[in-house]
Amino acid sequence: MPCKNFVLEEAPAAINSIFAAGDALNYFRPAQADTWYLALSEFADFDAPDVVLRITLQAAAMADEPAVVLRAQTVNSDAEVELHRGSLEEFELAPSAAAVGAVTHSYHLSGVLSSSLRAAKDAKAVKVRFNSEGVMSSQFILRSRGQRDLFCEALVSPLAEPESGTVRFSTQVKRKPYSADESIGF
């Protein structure tokens, strides 16, 4: 039976992103990594199985206009957080979203918080991407105790469109060492 030995200095195999090369993506990258953590923290009290988080990315030309809007509502209360264009280092709408000026995706709040809140707290850099089907990828560069930083990507599937009557939900987290010579857009 063949056996593979690992050497301590051997780099792990690269993990491919869930999004195919050339996919039209909507994405943003906060200028300060803790911006995403603070935005998500506003919804921590709402964390229940049936709470929906709606994330809207909208065209914003001026620095003081909201580019990303997060909303959650329960029977008793609701919350909204706006990330203004000036707080984002990068912001891009796919051509289809730019044509209409905005795109909104819905997720179970518990899925977003459980997959991203802890990593967002410890992150040095954050990038949040959405494909055309609404799958959300939160990418984090995390500090590590070793010489290399860590890359963590959390994926959350959106809720299905209301007409279909089905709900898709999954969370997946990938971790790998990240070196400065790799490029994920940070």
N, C-alpha and C. Protein backbone atom coordinates (compact mmCIF):
# COMPACT_ATOMS: atom_id res chain seq x y z
N MET A 1 0.85 -1.17 0.00
CA MET A 1 0.00 0.00 0.00
C MET A 1 0.90 1.24 0.00
N PRO A 2 0.77 2.12 -1.02
CA PRO A 2 1.61 3.31 -1.07
C PRO A 2 1.26 4.28 0.06
N CYS A 3 2.27 4.97 0.52
CA CYS A 3 2.09 5.92 1.62
C CYS A 3 2.78 7.22 1.24
N LYS A 4 2.17 8.34 1.55
CA LYS A 4 2.74 9.65 1.27
C LYS A 4 3.25 10.24 2.56
N ASN A 5 4.49 10.60 2.57
CA ASN A 5 5.07 11.27 3.74
C ASN A 5 5.03 12.77 3.53
N PHE A 6 4.70 13.48 4.57
CA PHE A 6 4.66 14.93 4.50
C PHE A 6 5.89 15.50 5.18
N VAL A 7 6.42 16.53 4.58
CA VAL A 7 7.57 17.22 5.14
C VAL A 7 7.08 18.53 5.72
N LEU A 8 7.60 18.93 6.85
CA LEU A 8 7.14 20.13 7.54
C LEU A 8 7.18 21.36 6.65
N GLU A 9 8.17 21.50 5.81
CA GLU A 9 8.31 22.67 4.96
C GLU A 9 7.46 22.58 3.69
N GLU A 10 6.84 21.44 3.44
CA GLU A 10 6.06 21.23 2.22
C GLU A 10 4.78 22.05 2.26
N ALA A 11 4.53 22.80 1.20
CA ALA A 11 3.32 23.63 1.14
C ALA A 11 2.12 22.74 0.84
N PRO A 12 0.98 23.04 1.45
CA PRO A 12 -0.23 22.26 1.15
C PRO A 12 -0.73 22.57 -0.26
N ALA A 13 -1.49 21.65 -0.79
CA ALA A 13 -2.07 21.86 -2.12
C ALA A 13 -3.04 23.03 -2.08
N ALA A 14 -3.05 23.81 -3.13
CA ALA A 14 -3.94 24.97 -3.20
C ALA A 14 -5.39 24.52 -3.22
N ILE A 15 -6.24 25.29 -2.58
CA ILE A 15 -7.68 25.03 -2.57
C ILE A 15 -8.31 25.94 -3.60
N ASN A 16 -9.01 25.37 -4.53
CA ASN A 16 -9.68 26.18 -5.54
C ASN A 16 -10.89 26.87 -4.93
N SER A 17 -11.17 28.04 -5.40
CA SER A 17 -12.33 28.78 -4.94
C SER A 17 -13.59 28.13 -5.50
N ILE A 18 -14.69 28.33 -4.83
CA ILE A 18 -15.97 27.79 -5.28
C ILE A 18 -16.43 28.48 -6.55
N PHE A 19 -15.99 29.71 -6.77
CA PHE A 19 -16.40 30.46 -7.95
C PHE A 19 -15.46 30.17 -9.10
N ALA A 20 -16.02 29.92 -10.25
CA ALA A 20 -15.21 29.65 -11.45
C ALA A 20 -14.57 30.93 -11.95
N ALA A 21 -13.40 30.76 -12.55
CA ALA A 21 -12.72 31.91 -13.14
C ALA A 21 -13.61 32.52 -14.21
N GLY A 22 -13.70 33.80 -14.21
CA GLY A 22 -14.53 34.49 -15.19
C GLY A 22 -15.95 34.75 -14.76
N ASP A 23 -16.38 34.19 -13.62
CA ASP A 23 -17.73 34.48 -13.11
C ASP A 23 -17.85 35.97 -12.82
N ALA A 24 -18.98 36.54 -13.15
CA ALA A 24 -19.25 37.94 -12.82
C ALA A 24 -19.63 37.99 -11.34
N LEU A 25 -18.82 38.66 -10.54
CA LEU A 25 -19.03 38.70 -9.10
C LEU A 25 -19.34 40.12 -8.63
N ASN A 26 -20.15 40.18 -7.60
CA ASN A 26 -20.34 41.41 -6.84
C ASN A 26 -19.45 41.24 -5.62
N TYR A 27 -18.72 42.26 -5.23
CA TYR A 27 -17.87 42.10 -4.06
C TYR A 27 -17.55 43.45 -3.43
N PHE A 28 -17.10 43.37 -2.18
CA PHE A 28 -16.60 44.55 -1.49
C PHE A 28 -15.53 44.13 -0.52
N ARG A 29 -14.64 45.07 -0.24
CA ARG A 29 -13.57 44.86 0.73
C ARG A 29 -13.48 46.10 1.60
N PRO A 30 -13.82 45.96 2.89
CA PRO A 30 -13.73 47.12 3.79
C PRO A 30 -12.29 47.60 3.92
N ALA A 31 -12.13 48.91 4.07
CA ALA A 31 -10.80 49.48 4.26
C ALA A 31 -10.20 49.00 5.58
N GLN A 32 -11.04 48.83 6.59
CA GLN A 32 -10.59 48.31 7.89
C GLN A 32 -11.29 46.98 8.12
N ALA A 33 -10.52 45.96 8.45
CA ALA A 33 -11.06 44.60 8.58
C ALA A 33 -12.17 44.50 9.62
N ASP A 34 -12.08 45.26 10.69
CA ASP A 34 -13.09 45.13 11.75
C ASP A 34 -14.45 45.71 11.36
N THR A 35 -14.54 46.39 10.23
CA THR A 35 -15.82 46.93 9.76
C THR A 35 -16.84 45.82 9.57
N TRP A 36 -16.45 44.71 8.96
CA TRP A 36 -17.36 43.59 8.71
C TRP A 36 -17.76 42.95 10.04
N TYR A 37 -16.83 42.81 10.96
CA TYR A 37 -17.13 42.24 12.27
C TYR A 37 -18.14 43.12 13.01
N LEU A 38 -17.92 44.43 13.00
CA LEU A 38 -18.84 45.34 13.70
C LEU A 38 -20.22 45.32 13.06
N ALA A 39 -20.28 45.23 11.74
CA ALA A 39 -21.58 45.17 11.05
C ALA A 39 -22.33 43.90 11.44
N LEU A 40 -21.66 42.76 11.41
CA LEU A 40 -22.31 41.49 11.78
C LEU A 40 -22.69 41.45 13.25
N SER A 41 -21.88 42.06 14.11
CA SER A 41 -22.15 42.07 15.55
C SER A 41 -23.48 42.74 15.89
N GLU A 42 -23.90 43.68 15.06
CA GLU A 42 -25.18 44.35 15.29
C GLU A 42 -26.37 43.39 15.24
N PHE A 43 -26.17 42.22 14.62
CA PHE A 43 -27.26 41.27 14.45
C PHE A 43 -27.16 40.08 15.41
N ALA A 44 -26.18 40.08 16.31
CA ALA A 44 -25.97 38.94 17.20
C ALA A 44 -27.18 38.66 18.09
N ASP A 45 -27.90 39.69 18.52
CA ASP A 45 -29.08 39.50 19.36
C ASP A 45 -30.27 38.93 18.59
N PHE A 46 -30.20 38.98 17.27
CA PHE A 46 -31.28 38.49 16.42
C PHE A 46 -31.11 37.02 16.06
N ASP A 47 -30.00 36.43 16.46
CA ASP A 47 -29.65 35.07 16.03
C ASP A 47 -30.68 34.05 16.50
N ALA A 48 -31.52 33.63 15.59
CA ALA A 48 -32.53 32.60 15.80
C ALA A 48 -32.70 31.86 14.48
N PRO A 49 -33.19 30.62 14.52
CA PRO A 49 -33.26 29.81 13.30
C PRO A 49 -34.07 30.41 12.15
N ASP A 50 -35.05 31.23 12.43
CA ASP A 50 -35.93 31.69 11.37
C ASP A 50 -35.67 33.13 10.91
N VAL A 51 -34.63 33.78 11.41
CA VAL A 51 -34.35 35.16 11.05
C VAL A 51 -33.58 35.22 9.73
N VAL A 52 -34.03 36.09 8.85
CA VAL A 52 -33.43 36.24 7.52
C VAL A 52 -32.61 37.52 7.49
N LEU A 53 -31.39 37.41 6.98
CA LEU A 53 -30.53 38.57 6.76
C LEU A 53 -30.55 38.88 5.27
N ARG A 54 -30.93 40.11 4.94
CA ARG A 54 -30.93 40.55 3.54
C ARG A 54 -29.74 41.47 3.34
N ILE A 55 -28.94 41.16 2.34
CA ILE A 55 -27.77 41.98 2.02
C ILE A 55 -27.98 42.59 0.64
N THR A 56 -27.96 43.90 0.60
CA THR A 56 -28.15 44.63 -0.66
C THR A 56 -26.86 45.36 -1.00
N LEU A 57 -26.39 45.16 -2.21
CA LEU A 57 -25.27 45.92 -2.75
C LEU A 57 -25.86 46.85 -3.78
N GLN A 58 -25.58 48.14 -3.63
CA GLN A 58 -26.18 49.12 -4.53
C GLN A 58 -25.12 50.10 -5.02
N ALA A 59 -25.33 50.57 -6.23
CA ALA A 59 -24.41 51.53 -6.82
C ALA A 59 -24.37 52.77 -5.94
N ALA A 60 -23.16 53.18 -5.59
CA ALA A 60 -22.97 54.35 -4.75
C ALA A 60 -21.75 55.10 -5.26
N ALA A 61 -21.97 56.26 -5.83
CA ALA A 61 -20.86 57.03 -6.41
C ALA A 61 -20.16 57.89 -5.35
N MET A 62 -20.90 58.40 -4.41
CA MET A 62 -20.34 59.30 -3.40
C MET A 62 -19.91 58.52 -2.16
N ALA A 63 -18.89 59.02 -1.47
CA ALA A 63 -18.34 58.34 -0.29
C ALA A 63 -19.35 58.22 0.84
N ASP A 64 -20.29 59.15 0.93
CA ASP A 64 -21.25 59.12 2.05
C ASP A 64 -22.55 58.39 1.71
N GLU A 65 -22.62 57.76 0.55
CA GLU A 65 -23.80 56.98 0.17
C GLU A 65 -23.62 55.52 0.59
N PRO A 66 -24.71 54.88 1.02
CA PRO A 66 -24.59 53.47 1.40
C PRO A 66 -24.38 52.59 0.16
N ALA A 67 -23.36 51.73 0.23
CA ALA A 67 -23.09 50.79 -0.86
C ALA A 67 -23.53 49.38 -0.49
N VAL A 68 -23.45 49.05 0.81
CA VAL A 68 -23.87 47.74 1.31
C VAL A 68 -24.84 47.97 2.45
N VAL A 69 -26.01 47.34 2.37
CA VAL A 69 -27.03 47.49 3.40
C VAL A 69 -27.41 46.10 3.90
N LEU A 70 -27.31 45.88 5.20
CA LEU A 70 -27.69 44.62 5.83
C LEU A 70 -28.95 44.87 6.64
N ARG A 71 -29.96 43.99 6.49
CA ARG A 71 -31.23 44.15 7.21
C ARG A 71 -31.68 42.80 7.76
N ALA A 72 -32.19 42.83 8.99
CA ALA A 72 -32.81 41.65 9.60
C ALA A 72 -34.02 42.13 10.38
N GLN A 73 -35.04 41.28 10.41
CA GLN A 73 -36.28 41.66 11.09
C GLN A 73 -36.83 40.46 11.83
N THR A 74 -37.30 40.69 13.05
CA THR A 74 -38.00 39.67 13.82
C THR A 74 -39.40 40.21 14.10
N VAL A 75 -40.19 39.43 14.81
CA VAL A 75 -41.54 39.86 15.16
C VAL A 75 -41.49 41.11 16.04
N ASN A 76 -40.49 41.18 16.92
CA ASN A 76 -40.42 42.27 17.88
C ASN A 76 -39.56 43.46 17.46
N SER A 77 -38.61 43.25 16.60
CA SER A 77 -37.71 44.36 16.26
C SER A 77 -37.02 44.12 14.92
N ASP A 78 -36.30 45.13 14.49
CA ASP A 78 -35.54 45.01 13.25
C ASP A 78 -34.25 45.82 13.39
N ALA A 79 -33.29 45.51 12.52
CA ALA A 79 -32.01 46.22 12.54
C ALA A 79 -31.54 46.41 11.11
N GLU A 80 -30.81 47.50 10.91
CA GLU A 80 -30.24 47.79 9.60
C GLU A 80 -28.87 48.40 9.81
N VAL A 81 -27.91 47.94 9.01
CA VAL A 81 -26.55 48.47 9.05
C VAL A 81 -26.18 48.87 7.63
N GLU A 82 -25.65 50.07 7.49
CA GLU A 82 -25.20 50.56 6.19
C GLU A 82 -23.69 50.72 6.20
N LEU A 83 -23.04 50.22 5.15
CA LEU A 83 -21.62 50.45 4.95
C LEU A 83 -21.51 51.45 3.80
N HIS A 84 -21.01 52.61 4.09
CA HIS A 84 -20.91 53.67 3.09
C HIS A 84 -19.74 53.40 2.15
N ARG A 85 -19.86 53.90 0.95
CA ARG A 85 -18.85 53.69 -0.08
C ARG A 85 -17.46 54.13 0.39
N GLY A 86 -17.39 55.16 1.16
CA GLY A 86 -16.12 55.66 1.67
C GLY A 86 -15.42 54.73 2.63
N SER A 87 -16.14 53.80 3.25
CA SER A 87 -15.53 52.85 4.19
C SER A 87 -15.03 51.59 3.48
N LEU A 88 -15.23 51.52 2.17
CA LEU A 88 -14.84 50.33 1.41
C LEU A 88 -13.64 50.64 0.53
N GLU A 89 -12.63 49.80 0.63
CA GLU A 89 -11.46 49.97 -0.22
C GLU A 89 -11.76 49.53 -1.65
N GLU A 90 -12.55 48.47 -1.77
CA GLU A 90 -12.97 47.97 -3.08
C GLU A 90 -14.48 47.75 -3.05
N PHE A 91 -15.12 48.03 -4.17
CA PHE A 91 -16.55 47.76 -4.32
C PHE A 91 -16.82 47.58 -5.80
N GLU A 92 -17.43 46.46 -6.15
CA GLU A 92 -17.69 46.17 -7.56
C GLU A 92 -19.03 45.48 -7.70
N LEU A 93 -19.84 46.00 -8.62
CA LEU A 93 -21.08 45.34 -8.98
C LEU A 93 -20.87 44.67 -10.33
N ALA A 94 -21.36 43.44 -10.47
CA ALA A 94 -21.31 42.75 -11.75
C ALA A 94 -22.12 43.55 -12.76
N PRO A 95 -21.84 43.41 -14.06
CA PRO A 95 -22.57 44.19 -15.06
C PRO A 95 -24.10 44.06 -14.96
N SER A 96 -24.59 42.86 -14.67
CA SER A 96 -26.05 42.68 -14.57
C SER A 96 -26.63 43.46 -13.39
N ALA A 97 -25.91 43.50 -12.27
CA ALA A 97 -26.37 44.26 -11.10
C ALA A 97 -26.19 45.75 -11.31
N ALA A 98 -25.11 46.14 -11.96
CA ALA A 98 -24.86 47.55 -12.22
C ALA A 98 -25.93 48.14 -13.14
N ALA A 99 -26.42 47.31 -14.06
CA ALA A 99 -27.44 47.77 -15.00
C ALA A 99 -28.73 48.18 -14.30
N VAL A 100 -29.09 47.47 -13.21
CA VAL A 100 -30.31 47.80 -12.47
C VAL A 100 -30.01 48.65 -11.23
N GLY A 101 -28.74 48.78 -10.86
CA GLY A 101 -28.35 49.64 -9.76
C GLY A 101 -28.21 48.97 -8.41
N ALA A 102 -28.68 47.73 -8.26
CA ALA A 102 -28.58 47.06 -6.97
C ALA A 102 -28.88 45.57 -7.12
N VAL A 103 -28.45 44.80 -6.14
CA VAL A 103 -28.77 43.38 -6.07
C VAL A 103 -28.94 43.03 -4.58
N THR A 104 -29.94 42.20 -4.29
CA THR A 104 -30.21 41.79 -2.91
C THR A 104 -30.23 40.27 -2.83
N HIS A 105 -29.60 39.74 -1.78
CA HIS A 105 -29.60 38.30 -1.52
C HIS A 105 -30.06 38.09 -0.07
N SER A 106 -30.72 36.96 0.18
CA SER A 106 -31.23 36.64 1.52
C SER A 106 -30.59 35.36 2.02
N TYR A 107 -30.26 35.37 3.33
CA TYR A 107 -29.59 34.23 3.98
C TYR A 107 -30.21 34.02 5.36
N HIS A 108 -30.06 32.81 5.88
CA HIS A 108 -30.38 32.60 7.29
C HIS A 108 -29.32 33.36 8.08
N LEU A 109 -29.76 34.22 8.98
CA LEU A 109 -28.82 35.00 9.78
C LEU A 109 -27.88 34.09 10.56
N SER A 110 -28.40 33.01 11.11
CA SER A 110 -27.56 32.10 11.91
C SER A 110 -26.44 31.51 11.07
N GLY A 111 -26.69 31.24 9.78
CA GLY A 111 -25.64 30.71 8.91
C GLY A 111 -24.53 31.71 8.66
N VAL A 112 -24.90 32.96 8.46
CA VAL A 112 -23.90 34.00 8.22
C VAL A 112 -23.09 34.24 9.48
N LEU A 113 -23.76 34.36 10.63
CA LEU A 113 -23.04 34.62 11.87
C LEU A 113 -22.13 33.46 12.26
N SER A 114 -22.62 32.23 12.15
CA SER A 114 -21.80 31.09 12.57
C SER A 114 -20.60 30.87 11.66
N SER A 115 -20.71 31.25 10.40
CA SER A 115 -19.60 31.03 9.48
C SER A 115 -18.61 32.18 9.43
N SER A 116 -19.01 33.38 9.84
CA SER A 116 -18.16 34.54 9.59
C SER A 116 -17.82 35.39 10.81
N LEU A 117 -18.61 35.39 11.84
CA LEU A 117 -18.41 36.34 12.94
C LEU A 117 -17.07 36.16 13.64
N ARG A 118 -16.73 34.94 14.00
CA ARG A 118 -15.46 34.69 14.71
C ARG A 118 -14.25 35.03 13.84
N ALA A 119 -14.28 34.60 12.58
CA ALA A 119 -13.16 34.89 11.68
C ALA A 119 -13.05 36.39 11.45
N ALA A 120 -14.18 37.08 11.32
CA ALA A 120 -14.15 38.53 11.09
C ALA A 120 -13.53 39.27 12.27
N LYS A 121 -13.72 38.75 13.47
CA LYS A 121 -13.15 39.38 14.67
C LYS A 121 -11.64 39.34 14.65
N ASP A 122 -11.07 38.24 14.17
CA ASP A 122 -9.62 38.05 14.21
C ASP A 122 -8.92 38.38 12.89
N ALA A 123 -9.65 38.88 11.91
CA ALA A 123 -9.09 39.07 10.57
C ALA A 123 -8.23 40.33 10.45
N LYS A 124 -7.21 40.21 9.61
CA LYS A 124 -6.39 41.36 9.21
C LYS A 124 -6.97 42.00 7.95
N ALA A 125 -7.65 41.19 7.15
CA ALA A 125 -8.27 41.68 5.91
C ALA A 125 -9.50 40.84 5.63
N VAL A 126 -10.51 41.45 5.01
CA VAL A 126 -11.77 40.79 4.70
C VAL A 126 -12.20 41.17 3.28
N LYS A 127 -12.73 40.18 2.57
CA LYS A 127 -13.33 40.44 1.26
C LYS A 127 -14.58 39.58 1.18
N VAL A 128 -15.72 40.18 0.81
CA VAL A 128 -16.99 39.47 0.71
C VAL A 128 -17.42 39.50 -0.75
N ARG A 129 -17.69 38.30 -1.29
CA ARG A 129 -18.04 38.17 -2.71
C ARG A 129 -19.37 37.44 -2.84
N PHE A 130 -20.09 37.72 -3.93
CA PHE A 130 -21.37 37.08 -4.22
C PHE A 130 -21.36 36.69 -5.68
N ASN A 131 -21.72 35.43 -5.98
CA ASN A 131 -21.83 35.07 -7.39
C ASN A 131 -23.24 35.39 -7.88
N SER A 132 -23.51 35.07 -9.15
CA SER A 132 -24.80 35.43 -9.74
C SER A 132 -25.98 34.69 -9.10
N GLU A 133 -25.71 33.55 -8.47
CA GLU A 133 -26.77 32.79 -7.80
C GLU A 133 -26.95 33.21 -6.34
N GLY A 134 -26.12 34.11 -5.86
CA GLY A 134 -26.25 34.61 -4.50
C GLY A 134 -25.40 33.89 -3.47
N VAL A 135 -24.57 32.93 -3.88
CA VAL A 135 -23.69 32.27 -2.93
C VAL A 135 -22.69 33.32 -2.41
N MET A 136 -22.60 33.42 -1.10
CA MET A 136 -21.74 34.42 -0.47
C MET A 136 -20.44 33.77 -0.02
N SER A 137 -19.34 34.36 -0.39
CA SER A 137 -18.01 33.92 0.03
C SER A 137 -17.39 35.02 0.87
N SER A 138 -17.13 34.72 2.13
CA SER A 138 -16.43 35.68 2.99
C SER A 138 -15.00 35.18 3.14
N GLN A 139 -14.05 35.96 2.66
CA GLN A 139 -12.65 35.57 2.71
C GLN A 139 -11.94 36.39 3.78
N PHE A 140 -11.11 35.71 4.56
CA PHE A 140 -10.41 36.36 5.66
C PHE A 140 -8.93 36.01 5.62
N ILE A 141 -8.08 36.98 5.92
CA ILE A 141 -6.68 36.73 6.19
C ILE A 141 -6.57 36.86 7.71
N LEU A 142 -6.19 35.75 8.36
CA LEU A 142 -6.14 35.70 9.81
C LEU A 142 -4.70 35.70 10.30
N ARG A 143 -4.47 36.33 11.42
CA ARG A 143 -3.15 36.29 12.05
C ARG A 143 -2.92 34.89 12.60
N SER A 144 -1.70 34.43 12.49
CA SER A 144 -1.39 33.13 13.08
C SER A 144 -0.19 33.29 14.00
N ARG A 145 0.05 32.29 14.78
CA ARG A 145 1.20 32.32 15.70
C ARG A 145 2.49 31.99 14.98
N GLY A 146 2.36 31.36 13.81
CA GLY A 146 3.53 31.01 13.02
C GLY A 146 3.98 32.18 12.16
N GLN A 147 4.83 31.86 11.20
CA GLN A 147 5.38 32.89 10.32
C GLN A 147 4.40 33.29 9.23
N ARG A 148 3.48 32.41 8.90
CA ARG A 148 2.55 32.68 7.80
C ARG A 148 1.17 32.99 8.33
N ASP A 149 0.49 33.89 7.66
CA ASP A 149 -0.91 34.17 7.99
C ASP A 149 -1.77 33.05 7.42
N LEU A 150 -3.00 32.96 7.89
CA LEU A 150 -3.93 31.94 7.42
C LEU A 150 -5.02 32.56 6.56
N PHE A 151 -5.44 31.82 5.56
CA PHE A 151 -6.55 32.21 4.71
C PHE A 151 -7.74 31.36 5.09
N CYS A 152 -8.88 31.99 5.30
CA CYS A 152 -10.10 31.27 5.66
C CYS A 152 -11.20 31.79 4.75
N GLU A 153 -11.98 30.86 4.18
CA GLU A 153 -13.09 31.25 3.33
C GLU A 153 -14.34 30.54 3.83
N ALA A 154 -15.38 31.30 4.08
CA ALA A 154 -16.66 30.76 4.53
C ALA A 154 -17.68 30.98 3.44
N LEU A 155 -18.39 29.93 3.07
CA LEU A 155 -19.41 30.00 2.02
C LEU A 155 -20.78 29.79 2.62
N VAL A 156 -21.73 30.62 2.20
CA VAL A 156 -23.10 30.48 2.67
C VAL A 156 -24.03 30.53 1.45
N SER A 157 -24.88 29.53 1.34
CA SER A 157 -25.85 29.49 0.24
C SER A 157 -27.03 30.40 0.56
N PRO A 158 -27.58 31.04 -0.44
CA PRO A 158 -28.72 31.93 -0.20
C PRO A 158 -30.01 31.14 0.00
N LEU A 159 -31.00 31.82 0.51
CA LEU A 159 -32.34 31.24 0.55
C LEU A 159 -32.87 31.20 -0.88
N ALA A 160 -33.70 30.24 -1.17
CA ALA A 160 -34.27 30.11 -2.51
C ALA A 160 -35.23 31.26 -2.76
N GLU A 161 -35.50 31.49 -4.02
CA GLU A 161 -36.48 32.50 -4.38
C GLU A 161 -37.84 32.09 -3.84
N PRO A 162 -38.67 33.03 -3.43
CA PRO A 162 -39.97 32.70 -2.84
C PRO A 162 -40.85 31.83 -3.72
N GLU A 163 -40.77 31.97 -5.05
CA GLU A 163 -41.62 31.20 -5.93
C GLU A 163 -41.33 29.70 -5.89
N SER A 164 -40.08 29.34 -5.64
CA SER A 164 -39.70 27.93 -5.74
C SER A 164 -40.17 27.12 -4.54
N GLY A 165 -40.32 27.77 -3.39
CA GLY A 165 -40.83 27.08 -2.21
C GLY A 165 -39.83 26.20 -1.49
N THR A 166 -38.59 26.16 -1.95
CA THR A 166 -37.58 25.36 -1.26
C THR A 166 -36.52 26.28 -0.68
N VAL A 167 -35.86 25.79 0.33
CA VAL A 167 -34.80 26.56 0.98
C VAL A 167 -33.50 25.79 0.87
N ARG A 168 -32.48 26.48 0.39
CA ARG A 168 -31.14 25.90 0.35
C ARG A 168 -30.34 26.56 1.47
N PHE A 169 -29.57 25.76 2.20
CA PHE A 169 -28.77 26.34 3.26
C PHE A 169 -27.57 25.45 3.51
N SER A 170 -26.40 26.01 3.44
CA SER A 170 -25.22 25.26 3.81
C SER A 170 -24.12 26.24 4.17
N THR A 171 -23.21 25.77 4.96
CA THR A 171 -22.06 26.56 5.35
C THR A 171 -20.84 25.69 5.19
N GLN A 172 -19.80 26.24 4.61
CA GLN A 172 -18.57 25.50 4.40
C GLN A 172 -17.42 26.43 4.72
N VAL A 173 -16.43 25.95 5.46
CA VAL A 173 -15.28 26.76 5.81
C VAL A 173 -14.03 26.03 5.34
N LYS A 174 -13.14 26.75 4.66
CA LYS A 174 -11.86 26.20 4.22
C LYS A 174 -10.76 27.02 4.88
N ARG A 175 -9.71 26.35 5.31
CA ARG A 175 -8.56 27.05 5.87
C ARG A 175 -7.31 26.53 5.20
N LYS A 176 -6.38 27.42 4.94
CA LYS A 176 -5.10 27.01 4.40
C LYS A 176 -4.09 28.10 4.73
N PRO A 177 -2.82 27.75 4.79
CA PRO A 177 -1.81 28.80 4.99
C PRO A 177 -1.82 29.73 3.78
N TYR A 178 -1.59 30.98 4.03
CA TYR A 178 -1.60 32.00 2.98
C TYR A 178 -0.24 32.65 2.97
N SER A 179 0.35 32.76 1.81
CA SER A 179 1.63 33.45 1.71
C SER A 179 1.43 34.73 0.94
N ALA A 180 2.32 35.68 1.17
CA ALA A 180 2.19 36.99 0.56
C ALA A 180 2.27 36.96 -0.95
N ASP A 181 2.88 35.92 -1.52
CA ASP A 181 3.01 35.88 -2.96
C ASP A 181 1.74 35.38 -3.64
N GLU A 182 0.78 34.85 -2.89
CA GLU A 182 -0.50 34.45 -3.45
C GLU A 182 -1.38 35.69 -3.55
N SER A 183 -2.27 35.71 -4.50
CA SER A 183 -3.12 36.88 -4.68
C SER A 183 -4.58 36.46 -4.64
N ILE A 184 -5.32 36.98 -3.68
CA ILE A 184 -6.76 36.78 -3.63
C ILE A 184 -7.46 38.12 -3.72
N GLY A 185 -6.72 39.11 -4.13
CA GLY A 185 -7.31 40.43 -4.31
C GLY A 185 -7.15 41.36 -3.13
N PHE A 186 -6.34 40.98 -2.16
CA PHE A 186 -6.11 41.89 -1.03
C PHE A 186 -4.92 42.75 -1.31
